[in-house]
Amino acid sequence: MDRREFLALSAGVCLAPGSVQLSANQHTPIPIIDTHIHLFDTTRSQGVPWPEKNDKILYQPALPGRYRSIAEKLGITGAIAVEASPWLEDNRWLIDTAENDKIIVGVIGNLEPGNPDFAKQLGRFQQSPLFLGIRYGNLWGHDIASQLKNPGFISDLRSLAREELVLDTANPNPALLAAVVKLTDLVPDLKVVIDHLPQMSLPTDKAVEKLYEADLHELGQRPKVYVKISEVLRRVNGQIPTELSFYRARLDGLYNTFGEDRLLYGSDWPNSDQWLPFDMAGI
C-alpha cells in the first residue's frame, strides 16, 4: 500500500465532494478492521461510568448491532472493542457482549498493572480468546510515567508481554510518549499501541517540541510500537475541516515515522460522533 492508498483508506476524513469513500460493493484490497470502538449500554440497571447522562450525543446504547448497521456498508468486516469503563466486571461484560456478535473480533480490557490481584484478574479474562490486552494511560486517574519506578507495575507488564498481549495507551501527550520510550526500554518485548495520536496537540514550546520529536522518532525505530490513526478530525474555530489536505501533513509524518505496517485504522466510534457521524467521517 502506498501513501495515497493509505490516506484514502485510513485517514478518517473524506467529506468533500469527490473524496474517497468505500461501500460494500467496492473492491477492497484487504479486510478492514476497525481497531478502536467503544461499547456500552446506558440502559443497564447499574448505569455506565462513561458517557455522562447529560451528553446528548453519546448517552445512548452503543452495542454491536448498531455498529454493524453503519460499519458494514463501508466495507468494515470487524472491530476491536476498547474498554470504556474502569469497573472490573465490565471486562466480563465487554467480553460477553463481543462473544455474541462476530463483528467484534477482539477486546481491550481495563486492568491495573501493579495491583496485587493483576495476575489473577489477567488469568481470568485471558481465558477468552477475544481478550487481546489492556488499556492504560491518561485515563481514569492513571498515567504511565508515575508507575515507571514501581517494580510491581513493570513486572505485570512483563507478564503481559510474555502472554503476547498488548498495552493500548490512552490519550497521548508529549509526557506519555516520553514515558512509553522509557517503558519500552524496561520491557522491550511489550507490544504497545498508541491511540489517537493524530488528535494530540503539538507542543508550542520549542524545547518541549524538540523532546517530543526525538521521542516520536525513537518510537518509530521500535518495531513493537504501533500507532492508531484514530481521532483524526479536529475542530478549528468551531468548524471541522473536511478537506484531506488539512490533515495530510500530520498523517504523512506518522506514515514516514512508523510505516504502513505499524499504522492501524480506528474510528473511535461512537465517541467520533462528537465530530461527525460515522458514515460521513468515512475511513
Protein backbone atom coordinates (compact mmCIF):
# COMPACT_ATOMS: atom_id res chain seq x y z
CA MET A 1 0.00 0.00 0.00
CA ASP A 2 1.47 3.38 -0.96
CA ARG A 3 0.88 6.65 0.85
CA ARG A 4 -2.00 7.69 -1.38
CA GLU A 5 -3.86 4.44 -0.71
CA PHE A 6 -3.13 4.78 2.99
CA LEU A 7 -4.58 8.27 3.12
CA ALA A 8 -7.65 7.22 1.17
CA LEU A 9 -8.36 4.14 3.30
CA SER A 10 -7.24 5.19 6.76
CA ALA A 11 -7.39 8.94 7.18
CA GLY A 12 -10.85 9.06 8.65
CA VAL A 13 -11.53 12.30 6.77
CA CYS A 14 -13.08 12.40 3.34
CA LEU A 15 -16.05 14.61 3.19
CA ALA A 16 -15.55 16.98 0.30
CA PRO A 17 -17.35 16.16 -2.96
CA GLY A 18 -15.38 13.62 -4.92
CA SER A 19 -13.48 12.34 -1.92
CA VAL A 20 -12.83 8.63 -1.46
CA GLN A 21 -15.43 6.53 0.34
CA LEU A 22 -15.91 2.80 0.35
CA SER A 23 -19.10 0.82 0.05
CA ALA A 24 -19.77 -2.87 0.48
CA ASN A 25 -19.91 -3.23 -3.30
CA GLN A 26 -16.47 -1.76 -3.95
CA HIS A 27 -13.37 -3.94 -4.06
CA THR A 28 -11.05 -3.52 -1.09
CA PRO A 29 -7.51 -4.96 -1.16
CA ILE A 30 -7.66 -6.27 2.42
CA PRO A 31 -10.38 -6.78 5.05
CA ILE A 32 -10.86 -3.58 7.05
CA ILE A 33 -10.64 -4.00 10.83
CA ASP A 34 -11.62 -1.02 12.96
CA THR A 35 -9.17 -1.24 15.87
CA HIS A 36 -10.88 1.23 18.20
CA ILE A 37 -14.56 1.34 19.07
CA HIS A 38 -16.35 1.58 22.41
CA LEU A 39 -19.31 -0.48 23.59
CA PHE A 40 -21.62 0.34 26.48
CA ASP A 41 -25.27 0.01 27.45
CA THR A 42 -26.79 3.06 29.06
CA THR A 43 -29.97 1.09 29.88
CA ARG A 44 -28.21 -1.19 32.39
CA SER A 45 -29.52 -1.02 35.93
CA GLN A 46 -26.06 -0.13 37.25
CA GLY A 47 -25.57 2.51 34.57
CA VAL A 48 -22.21 3.28 32.98
CA PRO A 49 -19.23 5.35 34.15
CA TRP A 50 -18.99 6.92 30.69
CA PRO A 51 -20.57 8.73 28.91
CA GLU A 52 -22.37 11.05 31.28
CA LYS A 53 -26.16 11.26 31.28
CA ASN A 54 -26.13 14.88 30.16
CA ASP A 55 -24.22 14.00 26.97
CA LYS A 56 -26.94 14.38 24.36
CA ILE A 57 -24.82 12.85 21.60
CA LEU A 58 -23.23 9.84 23.29
CA TYR A 59 -25.64 8.82 26.03
CA GLN A 60 -27.48 6.01 24.26
CA PRO A 61 -26.70 2.30 23.92
CA ALA A 62 -23.60 1.64 21.81
CA LEU A 63 -23.84 -2.06 21.02
CA PRO A 64 -22.55 -4.32 18.22
CA GLY A 65 -25.81 -4.32 16.26
CA ARG A 66 -25.86 -0.55 15.99
CA TYR A 67 -22.20 -0.50 15.00
CA ARG A 68 -22.73 -3.22 12.40
CA SER A 69 -25.58 -1.25 10.78
CA ILE A 70 -23.29 1.66 9.97
CA ALA A 71 -19.92 -0.04 9.50
CA GLU A 72 -20.60 -3.00 7.22
CA LYS A 73 -21.87 -0.84 4.37
CA LEU A 74 -18.49 0.91 4.40
CA GLY A 75 -16.62 -2.36 3.93
CA ILE A 76 -15.58 -2.86 7.56
CA THR A 77 -15.51 -6.54 8.42
CA GLY A 78 -14.63 -6.46 12.11
CA ALA A 79 -13.85 -4.25 15.09
CA ILE A 80 -11.88 -4.30 18.33
CA ALA A 81 -13.81 -3.03 21.34
CA VAL A 82 -11.71 -0.92 23.71
CA GLU A 83 -12.77 -0.54 27.34
CA ALA A 84 -14.91 2.44 28.27
CA SER A 85 -15.07 1.68 31.99
CA PRO A 86 -12.70 1.25 34.96
CA TRP A 87 -15.11 -1.20 36.64
CA LEU A 88 -13.53 -4.66 36.89
CA GLU A 89 -16.67 -6.60 36.00
CA ASP A 90 -17.15 -4.51 32.86
CA ASN A 91 -14.26 -6.54 31.41
CA ARG A 92 -16.57 -9.55 31.65
CA TRP A 93 -19.49 -7.57 30.25
CA LEU A 94 -17.39 -6.44 27.29
CA ILE A 95 -16.19 -9.99 26.56
CA ASP A 96 -19.72 -11.40 26.84
CA THR A 97 -21.07 -8.70 24.52
CA ALA A 98 -18.29 -9.34 22.00
CA GLU A 99 -18.83 -13.10 22.05
CA ASN A 100 -22.44 -12.61 20.98
CA ASP A 101 -21.66 -10.80 17.72
CA LYS A 102 -18.99 -11.80 15.21
CA ILE A 103 -18.47 -8.19 14.09
CA ILE A 104 -16.37 -7.84 17.28
CA VAL A 105 -13.07 -9.65 16.73
CA GLY A 106 -11.19 -8.57 19.85
CA VAL A 107 -11.39 -6.80 23.20
CA ILE A 108 -9.01 -4.46 25.02
CA GLY A 109 -9.87 -4.52 28.70
CA ASN A 110 -9.10 -2.42 31.75
CA LEU A 111 -6.84 -3.81 34.46
CA GLU A 112 -4.36 -2.02 36.70
CA PRO A 113 -0.75 -3.24 36.48
CA GLY A 114 0.86 -3.11 39.90
CA ASN A 115 -2.36 -4.15 41.63
CA PRO A 116 -1.77 -7.25 43.80
CA ASP A 117 -4.66 -9.01 42.02
CA PHE A 118 -3.44 -8.20 38.50
CA ALA A 119 -2.14 -11.68 37.66
CA LYS A 120 -5.32 -13.35 38.91
CA GLN A 121 -7.53 -10.91 37.02
CA LEU A 122 -5.49 -11.22 33.84
CA GLY A 123 -5.67 -15.02 34.00
CA ARG A 124 -9.43 -14.84 34.42
CA PHE A 125 -10.17 -12.63 31.43
CA GLN A 126 -7.43 -14.08 29.28
CA GLN A 127 -9.41 -17.32 29.12
CA SER A 128 -11.40 -15.67 26.33
CA PRO A 129 -9.52 -15.72 23.02
CA LEU A 130 -11.05 -12.33 22.27
CA PHE A 131 -9.11 -10.71 25.14
CA LEU A 132 -6.12 -9.06 23.45
CA GLY A 133 -4.71 -6.84 26.17
CA ILE A 134 -5.35 -3.83 28.39
CA ARG A 135 -5.59 -0.07 28.10
CA TYR A 136 -3.61 2.15 30.45
CA GLY A 137 -2.50 5.76 30.14
CA ASN A 138 -4.01 9.19 30.67
CA LEU A 139 -7.37 7.80 31.74
CA TRP A 140 -9.30 7.02 34.93
CA GLY A 141 -6.75 8.91 37.03
CA HIS A 142 -3.77 6.85 35.86
CA ASP A 143 -0.61 7.66 33.97
CA ILE A 144 2.36 5.57 32.92
CA ALA A 145 5.14 7.95 33.96
CA SER A 146 4.22 7.80 37.65
CA GLN A 147 4.48 4.00 37.63
CA LEU A 148 7.83 3.51 35.91
CA LYS A 149 9.67 3.05 39.23
CA ASN A 150 7.02 0.70 40.60
CA PRO A 151 8.51 -2.84 40.44
CA GLY A 152 5.06 -4.44 40.52
CA PHE A 153 3.88 -2.35 37.59
CA ILE A 154 6.88 -3.29 35.47
CA SER A 155 6.63 -6.95 36.49
CA ASP A 156 2.98 -7.09 35.47
CA LEU A 157 3.73 -5.55 32.08
CA ARG A 158 6.49 -8.11 31.58
CA SER A 159 3.83 -10.74 32.23
CA LEU A 160 1.61 -9.06 29.65
CA ALA A 161 4.46 -9.23 27.14
CA ARG A 162 5.15 -12.91 27.88
CA GLU A 163 1.50 -13.68 27.19
CA GLU A 164 1.82 -11.80 23.88
CA LEU A 165 -0.88 -9.36 24.91
CA VAL A 166 -0.88 -5.66 24.08
CA LEU A 167 -0.72 -2.45 26.09
CA ASP A 168 -3.04 0.08 24.48
CA THR A 169 -2.23 3.59 25.72
CA ALA A 170 -4.81 6.32 26.25
CA ASN A 171 -4.98 10.00 25.26
CA PRO A 172 -1.41 10.85 24.24
CA ASN A 173 0.59 13.92 25.09
CA PRO A 174 4.36 14.53 24.99
CA ALA A 175 4.76 13.21 28.54
CA LEU A 176 3.04 9.95 27.67
CA LEU A 177 5.25 9.44 24.61
CA ALA A 178 8.34 10.04 26.75
CA ALA A 179 7.01 7.51 29.26
CA VAL A 180 6.44 4.93 26.51
CA VAL A 181 10.08 5.32 25.43
CA LYS A 182 11.22 4.59 28.99
CA LEU A 183 8.71 1.79 29.43
CA THR A 184 9.82 0.01 26.27
CA ASP A 185 13.42 0.35 27.45
CA LEU A 186 12.37 -1.58 30.56
CA VAL A 187 10.06 -4.03 28.78
CA PRO A 188 11.37 -4.26 25.21
CA ASP A 189 9.18 -7.25 24.31
CA LEU A 190 5.96 -5.42 25.16
CA LYS A 191 3.73 -4.60 22.21
CA VAL A 192 2.42 -1.04 22.65
CA VAL A 193 -0.32 0.66 20.65
CA ILE A 194 -0.57 4.44 20.92
CA ASP A 195 -4.09 5.64 20.24
CA HIS A 196 -5.44 8.95 18.94
CA LEU A 197 -2.04 10.37 18.01
CA PRO A 198 -3.40 12.47 15.10
CA GLN A 199 -5.57 14.40 17.59
CA MET A 200 -2.75 15.24 20.00
CA SER A 201 -2.00 18.94 20.39
CA LEU A 202 1.56 19.58 19.25
CA PRO A 203 3.90 21.39 21.65
CA THR A 204 4.32 25.12 21.14
CA ASP A 205 7.33 25.41 23.44
CA LYS A 206 10.44 24.83 21.31
CA ALA A 207 12.27 22.81 23.96
CA VAL A 208 9.26 20.54 24.52
CA GLU A 209 8.77 20.24 20.77
CA LYS A 210 12.36 19.09 20.33
CA LEU A 211 11.97 16.42 23.01
CA TYR A 212 8.63 15.30 21.54
CA GLU A 213 10.12 14.94 18.06
CA ALA A 214 13.06 12.96 19.45
CA ASP A 215 10.74 10.63 21.37
CA LEU A 216 8.47 10.14 18.35
CA HIS A 217 11.49 9.32 16.19
CA GLU A 218 12.76 6.85 18.79
CA LEU A 219 9.38 5.12 18.99
CA GLY A 220 9.37 4.89 15.22
CA GLN A 221 12.54 2.79 15.46
CA ARG A 222 10.92 0.28 17.83
CA PRO A 223 9.16 -2.47 15.89
CA LYS A 224 6.76 -3.36 18.70
CA VAL A 225 5.28 0.16 18.92
CA TYR A 226 2.19 0.82 16.81
CA VAL A 227 0.01 3.89 16.26
CA LYS A 228 -3.71 4.14 15.69
CA ILE A 229 -4.91 6.52 13.04
CA SER A 230 -7.87 7.44 15.21
CA GLU A 231 -9.42 10.75 16.23
CA VAL A 232 -8.12 12.35 13.05
CA LEU A 233 -10.76 15.06 12.83
CA ARG A 234 -10.19 18.35 14.61
CA ARG A 235 -12.34 21.34 15.42
CA VAL A 236 -10.86 24.68 14.41
CA ASN A 237 -12.64 27.88 15.39
CA GLY A 238 -15.83 25.92 15.85
CA GLN A 239 -15.56 24.25 12.44
CA ILE A 240 -14.39 20.78 11.41
CA PRO A 241 -12.25 20.87 8.26
CA THR A 242 -13.33 18.18 5.82
CA GLU A 243 -10.57 18.50 3.23
CA LEU A 244 -7.89 15.83 3.31
CA SER A 245 -5.29 18.50 2.61
CA PHE A 246 -5.85 19.93 6.10
CA TYR A 247 -4.76 16.64 7.72
CA ARG A 248 -2.18 15.48 5.19
CA ALA A 249 0.96 16.83 6.84
CA ARG A 250 0.24 15.14 10.18
CA LEU A 251 -0.71 11.85 8.54
CA ASP A 252 2.30 11.94 6.24
CA GLY A 253 4.53 12.48 9.26
CA LEU A 254 3.15 9.43 11.04
CA TYR A 255 3.37 7.36 7.86
CA ASN A 256 7.02 8.33 7.39
CA THR A 257 7.86 7.63 11.05
CA PHE A 258 6.07 4.31 11.57
CA GLY A 259 5.47 2.92 8.08
CA GLU A 260 2.36 1.27 6.72
CA ASP A 261 2.70 -1.92 8.78
CA ARG A 262 2.52 -0.16 12.15
CA LEU A 263 -0.36 2.25 11.50
CA LEU A 264 -3.80 0.97 12.44
CA TYR A 265 -7.19 2.38 11.47
CA GLY A 266 -9.52 3.21 14.37
CA SER A 267 -12.84 5.05 14.15
CA ASP A 268 -13.27 5.78 17.90
CA TRP A 269 -16.99 5.14 17.44
CA PRO A 270 -19.29 6.32 18.97
CA ASN A 271 -17.04 8.98 20.50
CA SER A 272 -16.37 10.07 16.92
CA ASP A 273 -19.98 11.25 16.68
CA GLN A 274 -18.90 14.34 18.62
CA TRP A 275 -17.15 15.42 15.44
CA LEU A 276 -19.17 13.93 12.58
CA PRO A 277 -21.44 10.92 12.01
CA PHE A 278 -19.59 7.69 11.24
CA ASP A 279 -20.81 7.41 7.65
CA MET A 280 -19.73 10.97 6.94
CA ALA A 281 -16.33 10.65 8.58
CA GLY A 282 -15.68 7.63 6.37
CA ILE A 283 -12.43 5.73 6.58
